[in-house]
Amino acid sequence: LASEPVQFADLQRDLEALVSTLGATAGAATPELLFEPASRQCLHPGRSARVRLAGTDVGWLGELHPEHVRSLDLASAPMLFEINTQLLQTVKSDRIEEPSRFPAVRRDLAIVVDEALPFSAIRDRVTLIASGRLRDLTIFDIYRGTGIEPGRKSLALGLIFQEKSRTLTDTETDGLMADIRDDLQAALGARVRE
C-alpha cells in the first residue's frame, strides 16, 4: 500500500533489481551489490549504508537523519538513496552460467542478530554452507521492537536453492536449512525465531 513506510530492505531489493537490468549482457551473471554500514551527514546514524559493486563505491542509501525529519515536520523518516548509474554500467561480469532446467525451492528463515551485523556476513555464511546450491538470498523484513532484545534486530530471509543437474528433494532442502541454522547460530550468534 502507498501509505506503508518504505523499509531499508525494500530499497535494497529495488536497487538489486535496478542493477540486474544494467550493464549485463545476455547470459552473463550480474555482480552482487554489497551494502556496508557507513555514516553520512544527512542520514540516520546506524541506518545508512554505502553501496558497493565489484569493489567500487556506486552510491549510498539510508533513512533521513532525525534532525532533518523534525525540521521538515515530516510524519515519518523517508528513505533516501543515490546511485551512480553510469558507474553501474561499467561493471561487467565475465562469468556466464547456463540456467538450470530443474525447479528452484524457496525456504524462509527468521533470525535475530546483533544490530551492527552486516547482511554480507550472513550471506557469506549461507553461501558457504549451501555449497553452490544457493541461487538467491534476500531480506524481506526487518523488525525491531517488542520481543527483540535491545541492540538486536530480527531479519526474515528468503532463500532459494536449486541444483543444476537434478531436482532437490524436501529431505535435502530440510537438511540444508538445518545446517544453515546451526552455522548462523554458531558463527554469528544468531537466534532462530520459530
N, C-alpha and C. Protein backbone atom coordinates (compact mmCIF):
# COMPACT_ATOMS: atom_id res chain seq x y z
N LEU A 1 0.83 -1.20 0.00
CA LEU A 1 0.00 0.00 0.00
C LEU A 1 0.87 1.24 0.00
N ALA A 2 0.40 2.31 -0.62
CA ALA A 2 1.18 3.54 -0.71
C ALA A 2 1.39 4.17 0.65
N SER A 3 0.50 3.91 1.62
CA SER A 3 0.62 4.55 2.93
C SER A 3 1.65 3.87 3.83
N GLU A 4 2.11 2.67 3.47
CA GLU A 4 3.08 1.97 4.29
C GLU A 4 4.47 2.56 4.09
N PRO A 5 5.24 2.77 5.19
CA PRO A 5 6.57 3.34 5.03
C PRO A 5 7.52 2.36 4.33
N VAL A 6 8.43 2.92 3.54
CA VAL A 6 9.42 2.11 2.85
C VAL A 6 10.46 1.66 3.86
N GLN A 7 10.82 0.40 3.82
CA GLN A 7 11.82 -0.17 4.72
C GLN A 7 13.17 -0.24 4.01
N PHE A 8 14.24 -0.34 4.80
CA PHE A 8 15.60 -0.45 4.27
C PHE A 8 15.68 -1.62 3.29
N ALA A 9 15.11 -2.77 3.68
CA ALA A 9 15.17 -3.96 2.82
C ALA A 9 14.44 -3.75 1.50
N ASP A 10 13.35 -2.94 1.51
CA ASP A 10 12.63 -2.65 0.27
C ASP A 10 13.55 -1.93 -0.71
N LEU A 11 14.28 -0.96 -0.18
CA LEU A 11 15.20 -0.18 -1.01
C LEU A 11 16.34 -1.05 -1.52
N GLN A 12 16.84 -1.95 -0.67
CA GLN A 12 17.89 -2.88 -1.10
C GLN A 12 17.40 -3.70 -2.30
N ARG A 13 16.20 -4.26 -2.18
CA ARG A 13 15.66 -5.09 -3.27
C ARG A 13 15.46 -4.27 -4.54
N ASP A 14 15.00 -3.03 -4.39
CA ASP A 14 14.81 -2.18 -5.57
C ASP A 14 16.13 -1.91 -6.28
N LEU A 15 17.17 -1.64 -5.49
CA LEU A 15 18.48 -1.36 -6.09
C LEU A 15 19.06 -2.61 -6.74
N GLU A 16 18.86 -3.77 -6.10
CA GLU A 16 19.33 -5.03 -6.69
C GLU A 16 18.62 -5.29 -8.02
N ALA A 17 17.33 -4.99 -8.07
CA ALA A 17 16.58 -5.16 -9.31
C ALA A 17 17.08 -4.20 -10.38
N LEU A 18 17.39 -2.96 -9.99
CA LEU A 18 17.93 -1.98 -10.93
C LEU A 18 19.25 -2.48 -11.51
N VAL A 19 20.13 -2.95 -10.66
CA VAL A 19 21.44 -3.42 -11.11
C VAL A 19 21.31 -4.60 -12.05
N SER A 20 20.32 -5.45 -11.79
CA SER A 20 20.15 -6.63 -12.65
C SER A 20 19.78 -6.25 -14.08
N THR A 21 19.30 -5.01 -14.29
CA THR A 21 18.91 -4.58 -15.63
C THR A 21 19.99 -3.73 -16.31
N LEU A 22 21.05 -3.39 -15.59
CA LEU A 22 22.08 -2.52 -16.14
C LEU A 22 23.39 -3.26 -16.38
N GLY A 23 24.01 -2.96 -17.48
CA GLY A 23 25.36 -3.42 -17.74
C GLY A 23 25.55 -4.90 -17.89
N ALA A 24 24.49 -5.66 -18.04
CA ALA A 24 24.65 -7.11 -18.19
C ALA A 24 24.36 -7.51 -19.62
N THR A 25 25.15 -8.44 -20.14
CA THR A 25 24.90 -8.96 -21.47
C THR A 25 24.11 -10.25 -21.33
N ALA A 26 23.48 -10.67 -22.40
CA ALA A 26 22.64 -11.87 -22.34
C ALA A 26 23.45 -13.06 -21.84
N GLY A 27 22.91 -13.73 -20.82
CA GLY A 27 23.57 -14.91 -20.28
C GLY A 27 24.64 -14.62 -19.24
N ALA A 28 24.98 -13.36 -19.01
CA ALA A 28 26.03 -13.04 -18.04
C ALA A 28 25.41 -12.80 -16.68
N ALA A 29 26.09 -13.28 -15.66
CA ALA A 29 25.62 -13.06 -14.29
C ALA A 29 26.03 -11.66 -13.86
N THR A 30 25.12 -10.92 -13.23
CA THR A 30 25.41 -9.58 -12.76
C THR A 30 26.11 -9.65 -11.41
N PRO A 31 27.20 -8.87 -11.22
CA PRO A 31 27.86 -8.88 -9.91
C PRO A 31 26.89 -8.45 -8.81
N GLU A 32 27.14 -8.94 -7.60
CA GLU A 32 26.24 -8.70 -6.49
C GLU A 32 26.52 -7.36 -5.80
N LEU A 33 25.48 -6.65 -5.47
CA LEU A 33 25.61 -5.42 -4.70
C LEU A 33 25.94 -5.76 -3.26
N LEU A 34 26.79 -4.95 -2.64
CA LEU A 34 27.08 -5.07 -1.21
C LEU A 34 26.60 -3.81 -0.53
N PHE A 35 26.00 -3.96 0.64
CA PHE A 35 25.53 -2.83 1.44
C PHE A 35 26.33 -2.84 2.73
N GLU A 36 27.27 -1.91 2.86
CA GLU A 36 28.15 -1.86 4.02
C GLU A 36 27.75 -0.70 4.93
N PRO A 37 27.61 -0.95 6.24
CA PRO A 37 27.27 0.15 7.15
C PRO A 37 28.25 1.31 6.99
N ALA A 38 27.72 2.50 6.86
CA ALA A 38 28.55 3.71 6.71
C ALA A 38 27.71 4.91 7.11
N SER A 39 28.37 5.94 7.65
CA SER A 39 27.62 7.13 8.06
C SER A 39 27.70 8.20 6.97
N ARG A 40 26.68 9.01 6.94
CA ARG A 40 26.59 10.15 6.02
C ARG A 40 25.84 11.24 6.77
N GLN A 41 26.28 12.45 6.65
CA GLN A 41 25.77 13.55 7.48
C GLN A 41 24.25 13.70 7.41
N CYS A 42 23.65 13.49 6.26
CA CYS A 42 22.21 13.70 6.11
C CYS A 42 21.38 12.49 6.54
N LEU A 43 22.06 11.38 6.87
CA LEU A 43 21.33 10.15 7.17
C LEU A 43 21.41 9.77 8.64
N HIS A 44 20.45 8.98 9.06
CA HIS A 44 20.36 8.49 10.44
C HIS A 44 21.59 7.65 10.76
N PRO A 45 22.29 7.97 11.86
CA PRO A 45 23.44 7.14 12.23
C PRO A 45 22.97 5.72 12.56
N GLY A 46 23.60 4.74 11.97
CA GLY A 46 23.22 3.35 12.21
C GLY A 46 22.15 2.84 11.27
N ARG A 47 21.59 3.70 10.45
CA ARG A 47 20.57 3.27 9.50
C ARG A 47 20.92 3.77 8.09
N SER A 48 22.19 3.63 7.76
CA SER A 48 22.66 4.04 6.44
C SER A 48 23.75 3.09 5.98
N ALA A 49 23.95 3.05 4.67
CA ALA A 49 24.93 2.13 4.12
C ALA A 49 25.54 2.67 2.84
N ARG A 50 26.77 2.26 2.62
CA ARG A 50 27.47 2.51 1.36
C ARG A 50 27.09 1.37 0.43
N VAL A 51 26.88 1.69 -0.84
CA VAL A 51 26.54 0.67 -1.83
C VAL A 51 27.78 0.41 -2.68
N ARG A 52 28.18 -0.87 -2.73
CA ARG A 52 29.39 -1.24 -3.49
C ARG A 52 29.04 -2.32 -4.50
N LEU A 53 29.73 -2.26 -5.62
CA LEU A 53 29.54 -3.25 -6.67
C LEU A 53 30.91 -3.58 -7.24
N ALA A 54 31.28 -4.86 -7.18
CA ALA A 54 32.58 -5.32 -7.70
C ALA A 54 33.73 -4.50 -7.14
N GLY A 55 33.66 -4.18 -5.82
CA GLY A 55 34.74 -3.46 -5.16
C GLY A 55 34.74 -1.95 -5.36
N THR A 56 33.72 -1.42 -6.03
CA THR A 56 33.65 0.01 -6.32
C THR A 56 32.45 0.63 -5.61
N ASP A 57 32.66 1.80 -4.97
CA ASP A 57 31.54 2.54 -4.38
C ASP A 57 30.67 3.09 -5.50
N VAL A 58 29.38 2.76 -5.48
CA VAL A 58 28.47 3.23 -6.53
C VAL A 58 27.33 4.08 -5.97
N GLY A 59 27.28 4.25 -4.64
CA GLY A 59 26.22 5.08 -4.07
C GLY A 59 26.04 4.84 -2.59
N TRP A 60 24.89 5.26 -2.08
CA TRP A 60 24.56 5.12 -0.67
C TRP A 60 23.05 5.07 -0.51
N LEU A 61 22.59 4.61 0.64
CA LEU A 61 21.18 4.63 0.95
C LEU A 61 21.00 4.67 2.47
N GLY A 62 19.82 5.10 2.89
CA GLY A 62 19.55 5.13 4.31
C GLY A 62 18.34 5.99 4.66
N GLU A 63 18.08 6.06 5.96
CA GLU A 63 16.95 6.81 6.49
C GLU A 63 17.39 8.25 6.76
N LEU A 64 16.53 9.22 6.46
CA LEU A 64 16.85 10.62 6.70
C LEU A 64 17.14 10.86 8.18
N HIS A 65 18.13 11.68 8.47
CA HIS A 65 18.54 11.97 9.85
C HIS A 65 17.36 12.55 10.64
N PRO A 66 17.18 12.11 11.90
CA PRO A 66 16.05 12.58 12.72
C PRO A 66 15.95 14.10 12.83
N GLU A 67 17.08 14.81 12.87
CA GLU A 67 17.04 16.28 12.95
C GLU A 67 16.36 16.88 11.73
N HIS A 68 16.63 16.32 10.55
CA HIS A 68 16.01 16.82 9.32
C HIS A 68 14.52 16.44 9.27
N VAL A 69 14.20 15.27 9.81
CA VAL A 69 12.79 14.85 9.86
C VAL A 69 12.00 15.85 10.71
N ARG A 70 12.58 16.22 11.88
CA ARG A 70 11.91 17.20 12.75
C ARG A 70 11.83 18.58 12.11
N SER A 71 12.94 19.04 11.53
CA SER A 71 12.95 20.40 10.95
C SER A 71 12.01 20.53 9.76
N LEU A 72 11.80 19.43 9.05
CA LEU A 72 10.88 19.44 7.91
C LEU A 72 9.45 19.07 8.31
N ASP A 73 9.26 18.74 9.61
CA ASP A 73 7.96 18.39 10.16
C ASP A 73 7.32 17.22 9.38
N LEU A 74 8.12 16.18 9.18
CA LEU A 74 7.64 15.01 8.46
C LEU A 74 7.02 14.01 9.44
N ALA A 75 6.00 13.31 9.01
CA ALA A 75 5.32 12.34 9.87
C ALA A 75 6.19 11.12 10.13
N SER A 76 7.02 10.76 9.15
CA SER A 76 7.93 9.62 9.32
C SER A 76 9.20 9.91 8.51
N ALA A 77 10.24 9.16 8.83
CA ALA A 77 11.52 9.38 8.17
C ALA A 77 11.54 8.71 6.79
N PRO A 78 11.77 9.49 5.73
CA PRO A 78 11.85 8.87 4.41
C PRO A 78 13.18 8.16 4.20
N MET A 79 13.17 7.20 3.29
CA MET A 79 14.39 6.52 2.88
C MET A 79 14.94 7.24 1.65
N LEU A 80 16.25 7.40 1.63
CA LEU A 80 16.90 8.10 0.53
C LEU A 80 17.97 7.22 -0.08
N PHE A 81 18.27 7.45 -1.35
CA PHE A 81 19.41 6.77 -1.95
C PHE A 81 19.94 7.58 -3.11
N GLU A 82 21.19 7.33 -3.42
CA GLU A 82 21.83 7.95 -4.58
C GLU A 82 22.70 6.87 -5.22
N ILE A 83 22.53 6.65 -6.51
CA ILE A 83 23.27 5.63 -7.23
C ILE A 83 23.85 6.23 -8.50
N ASN A 84 25.11 5.95 -8.75
CA ASN A 84 25.77 6.40 -9.97
C ASN A 84 25.52 5.34 -11.05
N THR A 85 24.49 5.54 -11.88
CA THR A 85 24.12 4.54 -12.87
C THR A 85 25.17 4.40 -13.97
N GLN A 86 25.90 5.48 -14.26
CA GLN A 86 26.97 5.37 -15.26
C GLN A 86 28.06 4.42 -14.78
N LEU A 87 28.37 4.50 -13.48
CA LEU A 87 29.37 3.61 -12.90
C LEU A 87 28.85 2.17 -12.90
N LEU A 88 27.56 1.99 -12.61
CA LEU A 88 26.98 0.65 -12.63
C LEU A 88 27.14 -0.01 -14.00
N GLN A 89 26.95 0.78 -15.05
CA GLN A 89 27.00 0.22 -16.40
C GLN A 89 28.41 -0.18 -16.82
N THR A 90 29.44 0.35 -16.14
CA THR A 90 30.80 0.00 -16.50
C THR A 90 31.26 -1.30 -15.86
N VAL A 91 30.52 -1.78 -14.85
CA VAL A 91 30.89 -3.02 -14.16
C VAL A 91 30.32 -4.19 -14.95
N LYS A 92 31.20 -5.01 -15.45
CA LYS A 92 30.79 -6.16 -16.26
C LYS A 92 31.11 -7.45 -15.53
N SER A 93 30.38 -8.45 -15.82
CA SER A 93 30.67 -9.78 -15.30
C SER A 93 31.14 -10.66 -16.45
N ASP A 94 32.24 -11.38 -16.22
CA ASP A 94 32.73 -12.26 -17.27
C ASP A 94 32.32 -13.72 -17.01
N ARG A 95 31.51 -13.93 -15.97
CA ARG A 95 31.06 -15.27 -15.66
C ARG A 95 29.74 -15.55 -16.36
N ILE A 96 29.71 -16.62 -17.11
CA ILE A 96 28.48 -16.99 -17.83
C ILE A 96 27.99 -18.31 -17.27
N GLU A 97 26.73 -18.35 -16.90
CA GLU A 97 26.14 -19.56 -16.36
C GLU A 97 24.93 -19.96 -17.18
N GLU A 98 24.83 -21.23 -17.46
CA GLU A 98 23.64 -21.74 -18.12
C GLU A 98 22.57 -21.93 -17.06
N PRO A 99 21.36 -21.44 -17.28
CA PRO A 99 20.31 -21.61 -16.27
C PRO A 99 19.93 -23.07 -16.09
N SER A 100 19.59 -23.42 -14.87
CA SER A 100 19.17 -24.79 -14.57
C SER A 100 17.79 -25.06 -15.14
N ARG A 101 17.58 -26.30 -15.58
CA ARG A 101 16.26 -26.71 -16.09
C ARG A 101 15.41 -27.30 -14.97
N PHE A 102 15.98 -27.38 -13.77
CA PHE A 102 15.29 -28.02 -12.65
C PHE A 102 14.66 -26.98 -11.73
N PRO A 103 13.56 -27.32 -11.05
CA PRO A 103 12.85 -26.33 -10.25
C PRO A 103 13.65 -25.84 -9.04
N ALA A 104 13.42 -24.59 -8.72
CA ALA A 104 14.02 -23.99 -7.53
C ALA A 104 13.11 -24.24 -6.33
N VAL A 105 13.70 -24.20 -5.14
CA VAL A 105 12.95 -24.41 -3.90
C VAL A 105 13.18 -23.20 -3.01
N ARG A 106 12.09 -22.63 -2.48
CA ARG A 106 12.22 -21.48 -1.60
C ARG A 106 11.91 -21.89 -0.16
N ARG A 107 12.74 -21.38 0.75
CA ARG A 107 12.51 -21.55 2.18
C ARG A 107 12.74 -20.20 2.84
N ASP A 108 11.98 -19.94 3.91
CA ASP A 108 12.14 -18.71 4.68
C ASP A 108 12.75 -19.03 6.03
N LEU A 109 13.51 -18.07 6.55
CA LEU A 109 14.17 -18.24 7.84
C LEU A 109 14.17 -16.90 8.56
N ALA A 110 13.72 -16.89 9.82
CA ALA A 110 13.73 -15.67 10.63
C ALA A 110 14.79 -15.84 11.71
N ILE A 111 15.71 -14.87 11.78
CA ILE A 111 16.78 -14.92 12.77
C ILE A 111 16.90 -13.57 13.46
N VAL A 112 17.42 -13.60 14.70
CA VAL A 112 17.70 -12.38 15.45
C VAL A 112 19.22 -12.29 15.57
N VAL A 113 19.76 -11.15 15.15
CA VAL A 113 21.21 -10.94 15.16
C VAL A 113 21.54 -9.57 15.75
N ASP A 114 22.82 -9.33 16.02
CA ASP A 114 23.24 -8.03 16.51
C ASP A 114 22.93 -6.95 15.48
N GLU A 115 22.53 -5.79 15.96
CA GLU A 115 22.17 -4.67 15.09
C GLU A 115 23.28 -4.32 14.10
N ALA A 116 24.53 -4.40 14.55
CA ALA A 116 25.65 -3.97 13.70
C ALA A 116 26.09 -5.02 12.69
N LEU A 117 25.53 -6.23 12.76
CA LEU A 117 25.96 -7.29 11.85
C LEU A 117 25.53 -6.97 10.42
N PRO A 118 26.48 -6.89 9.48
CA PRO A 118 26.09 -6.59 8.09
C PRO A 118 25.49 -7.80 7.40
N PHE A 119 24.62 -7.55 6.45
CA PHE A 119 23.98 -8.61 5.68
C PHE A 119 25.02 -9.46 4.96
N SER A 120 26.13 -8.83 4.54
CA SER A 120 27.17 -9.56 3.82
C SER A 120 27.72 -10.72 4.65
N ALA A 121 27.80 -10.57 5.98
CA ALA A 121 28.31 -11.65 6.84
C ALA A 121 27.35 -12.83 6.82
N ILE A 122 26.05 -12.54 6.84
CA ILE A 122 25.04 -13.61 6.79
C ILE A 122 25.09 -14.29 5.43
N ARG A 123 25.12 -13.49 4.37
CA ARG A 123 25.16 -14.04 3.01
C ARG A 123 26.38 -14.94 2.82
N ASP A 124 27.55 -14.51 3.33
CA ASP A 124 28.77 -15.30 3.18
C ASP A 124 28.66 -16.66 3.87
N ARG A 125 28.08 -16.66 5.08
CA ARG A 125 27.93 -17.93 5.81
C ARG A 125 26.94 -18.86 5.09
N VAL A 126 25.82 -18.32 4.65
CA VAL A 126 24.81 -19.14 3.97
C VAL A 126 25.37 -19.69 2.66
N THR A 127 26.09 -18.85 1.92
CA THR A 127 26.69 -19.28 0.66
C THR A 127 27.68 -20.42 0.89
N LEU A 128 28.47 -20.30 1.94
CA LEU A 128 29.45 -21.33 2.27
C LEU A 128 28.77 -22.67 2.57
N ILE A 129 27.75 -22.65 3.40
CA ILE A 129 27.06 -23.88 3.79
C ILE A 129 26.27 -24.47 2.62
N ALA A 130 25.69 -23.62 1.79
CA ALA A 130 24.85 -24.10 0.68
C ALA A 130 25.66 -24.78 -0.42
N SER A 131 26.96 -24.59 -0.46
CA SER A 131 27.85 -25.27 -1.40
C SER A 131 27.38 -25.21 -2.85
N GLY A 132 27.10 -24.03 -3.36
CA GLY A 132 26.73 -23.88 -4.77
C GLY A 132 25.27 -24.08 -5.08
N ARG A 133 24.45 -24.44 -4.09
CA ARG A 133 23.03 -24.66 -4.35
C ARG A 133 22.18 -23.42 -4.09
N LEU A 134 22.78 -22.38 -3.49
CA LEU A 134 22.03 -21.16 -3.21
C LEU A 134 21.95 -20.33 -4.48
N ARG A 135 20.73 -20.02 -4.92
CA ARG A 135 20.53 -19.18 -6.11
C ARG A 135 20.20 -17.74 -5.74
N ASP A 136 19.57 -17.54 -4.57
CA ASP A 136 19.22 -16.18 -4.17
C ASP A 136 19.01 -16.14 -2.67
N LEU A 137 19.38 -15.02 -2.07
CA LEU A 137 19.16 -14.79 -0.64
C LEU A 137 18.77 -13.33 -0.48
N THR A 138 17.59 -13.09 0.05
CA THR A 138 17.11 -11.72 0.23
C THR A 138 16.54 -11.55 1.63
N ILE A 139 16.55 -10.29 2.07
CA ILE A 139 15.86 -9.92 3.31
C ILE A 139 14.51 -9.37 2.89
N PHE A 140 13.43 -9.95 3.42
CA PHE A 140 12.13 -9.40 3.07
C PHE A 140 11.43 -8.72 4.25
N ASP A 141 12.07 -8.73 5.43
CA ASP A 141 11.52 -7.99 6.56
C ASP A 141 12.60 -7.78 7.61
N ILE A 142 12.59 -6.59 8.21
CA ILE A 142 13.47 -6.28 9.33
C ILE A 142 12.58 -5.76 10.45
N TYR A 143 12.74 -6.33 11.66
CA TYR A 143 11.88 -5.94 12.77
C TYR A 143 12.74 -5.63 13.99
N ARG A 144 12.41 -4.52 14.64
CA ARG A 144 13.00 -4.13 15.93
C ARG A 144 11.83 -3.74 16.81
N GLY A 145 11.81 -4.23 18.02
CA GLY A 145 10.70 -3.85 18.89
C GLY A 145 10.38 -4.94 19.89
N THR A 146 9.11 -5.00 20.27
CA THR A 146 8.66 -5.93 21.29
C THR A 146 9.10 -7.36 20.98
N GLY A 147 9.72 -8.00 21.97
CA GLY A 147 10.18 -9.37 21.80
C GLY A 147 11.59 -9.50 21.27
N ILE A 148 12.19 -8.39 20.83
CA ILE A 148 13.56 -8.40 20.32
C ILE A 148 14.44 -7.63 21.29
N GLU A 149 15.56 -8.23 21.68
CA GLU A 149 16.45 -7.61 22.66
C GLU A 149 17.00 -6.28 22.13
N PRO A 150 17.25 -5.30 23.03
CA PRO A 150 17.88 -4.04 22.60
C PRO A 150 19.23 -4.33 21.96
N GLY A 151 19.54 -3.60 20.89
CA GLY A 151 20.79 -3.80 20.18
C GLY A 151 20.78 -4.96 19.21
N ARG A 152 19.58 -5.56 19.01
CA ARG A 152 19.45 -6.69 18.08
C ARG A 152 18.31 -6.39 17.10
N LYS A 153 18.27 -7.13 16.02
CA LYS A 153 17.22 -6.96 15.01
C LYS A 153 16.81 -8.33 14.51
N SER A 154 15.56 -8.43 14.09
CA SER A 154 15.05 -9.67 13.53
C SER A 154 15.02 -9.51 12.00
N LEU A 155 15.61 -10.47 11.32
CA LEU A 155 15.64 -10.46 9.86
C LEU A 155 14.86 -11.67 9.33
N ALA A 156 13.99 -11.43 8.39
CA ALA A 156 13.30 -12.52 7.70
C ALA A 156 13.99 -12.71 6.36
N LEU A 157 14.55 -13.90 6.16
CA LEU A 157 15.34 -14.19 4.97
C LEU A 157 14.56 -15.10 4.03
N GLY A 158 14.65 -14.82 2.75
CA GLY A 158 14.12 -15.71 1.73
C GLY A 158 15.28 -16.38 1.02
N LEU A 159 15.34 -17.70 1.06
CA LEU A 159 16.43 -18.46 0.45
C LEU A 159 15.89 -19.29 -0.70
N ILE A 160 16.55 -19.23 -1.83
CA ILE A 160 16.16 -20.03 -2.98
C ILE A 160 17.31 -20.96 -3.34
N PHE A 161 17.01 -22.26 -3.36
CA PHE A 161 18.00 -23.29 -3.67
C PHE A 161 17.66 -23.95 -4.99
N GLN A 162 18.71 -24.39 -5.69
CA GLN A 162 18.48 -25.09 -6.96
C GLN A 162 19.74 -25.86 -7.33
N GLU A 163 19.54 -27.07 -7.83
CA GLU A 163 20.64 -27.87 -8.36
C GLU A 163 20.66 -27.69 -9.87
N LYS A 164 21.85 -27.82 -10.48
CA LYS A 164 21.96 -27.69 -11.93
C LYS A 164 21.62 -28.98 -12.66
N SER A 165 21.80 -30.12 -11.96
CA SER A 165 21.66 -31.40 -12.67
C SER A 165 20.48 -32.26 -12.23
N ARG A 166 19.75 -31.81 -11.19
CA ARG A 166 18.63 -32.62 -10.71
C ARG A 166 17.73 -31.78 -9.81
N THR A 167 16.58 -32.34 -9.44
CA THR A 167 15.66 -31.67 -8.53
C THR A 167 16.06 -31.96 -7.09
N LEU A 168 16.13 -30.93 -6.27
CA LEU A 168 16.40 -31.11 -4.84
C LEU A 168 15.19 -31.76 -4.17
N THR A 169 15.43 -32.71 -3.28
CA THR A 169 14.34 -33.33 -2.54
C THR A 169 14.02 -32.49 -1.30
N ASP A 170 12.84 -32.69 -0.74
CA ASP A 170 12.47 -32.00 0.50
C ASP A 170 13.43 -32.36 1.63
N THR A 171 13.84 -33.60 1.69
CA THR A 171 14.77 -34.05 2.74
C THR A 171 16.11 -33.33 2.63
N GLU A 172 16.60 -33.19 1.40
CA GLU A 172 17.87 -32.48 1.19
C GLU A 172 17.74 -31.01 1.57
N THR A 173 16.64 -30.39 1.17
CA THR A 173 16.43 -28.98 1.47
C THR A 173 16.27 -28.76 2.97
N ASP A 174 15.53 -29.64 3.64
CA ASP A 174 15.37 -29.53 5.09
C ASP A 174 16.72 -29.68 5.80
N GLY A 175 17.53 -30.63 5.33
CA GLY A 175 18.86 -30.82 5.92
C GLY A 175 19.75 -29.60 5.70
N LEU A 176 19.66 -29.02 4.51
CA LEU A 176 20.41 -27.82 4.20
C LEU A 176 20.01 -26.66 5.11
N MET A 177 18.70 -26.49 5.32
CA MET A 177 18.22 -25.43 6.20
C MET A 177 18.68 -25.66 7.64
N ALA A 178 18.68 -26.91 8.10
CA ALA A 178 19.15 -27.21 9.45
C ALA A 178 20.63 -26.86 9.59
N ASP A 179 21.43 -27.20 8.57
CA ASP A 179 22.86 -26.86 8.60
C ASP A 179 23.07 -25.35 8.62
N ILE A 180 22.28 -24.62 7.85
CA ILE A 180 22.39 -23.16 7.81
C ILE A 180 22.02 -22.56 9.17
N ARG A 181 20.92 -23.03 9.77
CA ARG A 181 20.52 -22.53 11.09
C ARG A 181 21.62 -22.78 12.12
N ASP A 182 22.15 -24.00 12.13
CA ASP A 182 23.21 -24.34 13.09
C ASP A 182 24.44 -23.46 12.90
N ASP A 183 24.82 -23.24 11.64
CA ASP A 183 26.01 -22.43 11.36
C ASP A 183 25.81 -20.97 11.75
N LEU A 184 24.65 -20.40 11.44
CA LEU A 184 24.40 -19.00 11.79
C LEU A 184 24.40 -18.81 13.30
N GLN A 185 23.89 -19.81 14.03
CA GLN A 185 23.91 -19.73 15.50
C GLN A 185 25.34 -19.80 16.02
N ALA A 186 26.14 -20.74 15.50
CA ALA A 186 27.50 -20.94 16.00
C ALA A 186 28.45 -19.82 15.55
N ALA A 187 28.37 -19.42 14.29
CA ALA A 187 29.33 -18.48 13.74
C ALA A 187 28.98 -17.01 14.01
N LEU A 188 27.68 -16.69 14.02
CA LEU A 188 27.27 -15.28 14.12
C LEU A 188 26.44 -14.97 15.36
N GLY A 189 26.22 -15.95 16.21
CA GLY A 189 25.42 -15.71 17.41
C GLY A 189 23.96 -15.43 17.11
N ALA A 190 23.47 -15.96 15.99
CA ALA A 190 22.08 -15.74 15.61
C ALA A 190 21.14 -16.59 16.46
N ARG A 191 19.96 -16.05 16.72
CA ARG A 191 18.90 -16.82 17.38
C ARG A 191 17.80 -17.03 16.36
N VAL A 192 17.43 -18.29 16.14
CA VAL A 192 16.39 -18.62 15.16
C VAL A 192 15.03 -18.36 15.79
N ARG A 193 14.18 -17.66 15.05
CA ARG A 193 12.80 -17.42 15.51
C ARG A 193 11.89 -18.44 14.83
N GLU A 194 11.05 -19.06 15.63
CA GLU A 194 10.12 -20.07 15.09
C GLU A 194 8.84 -19.39 14.63
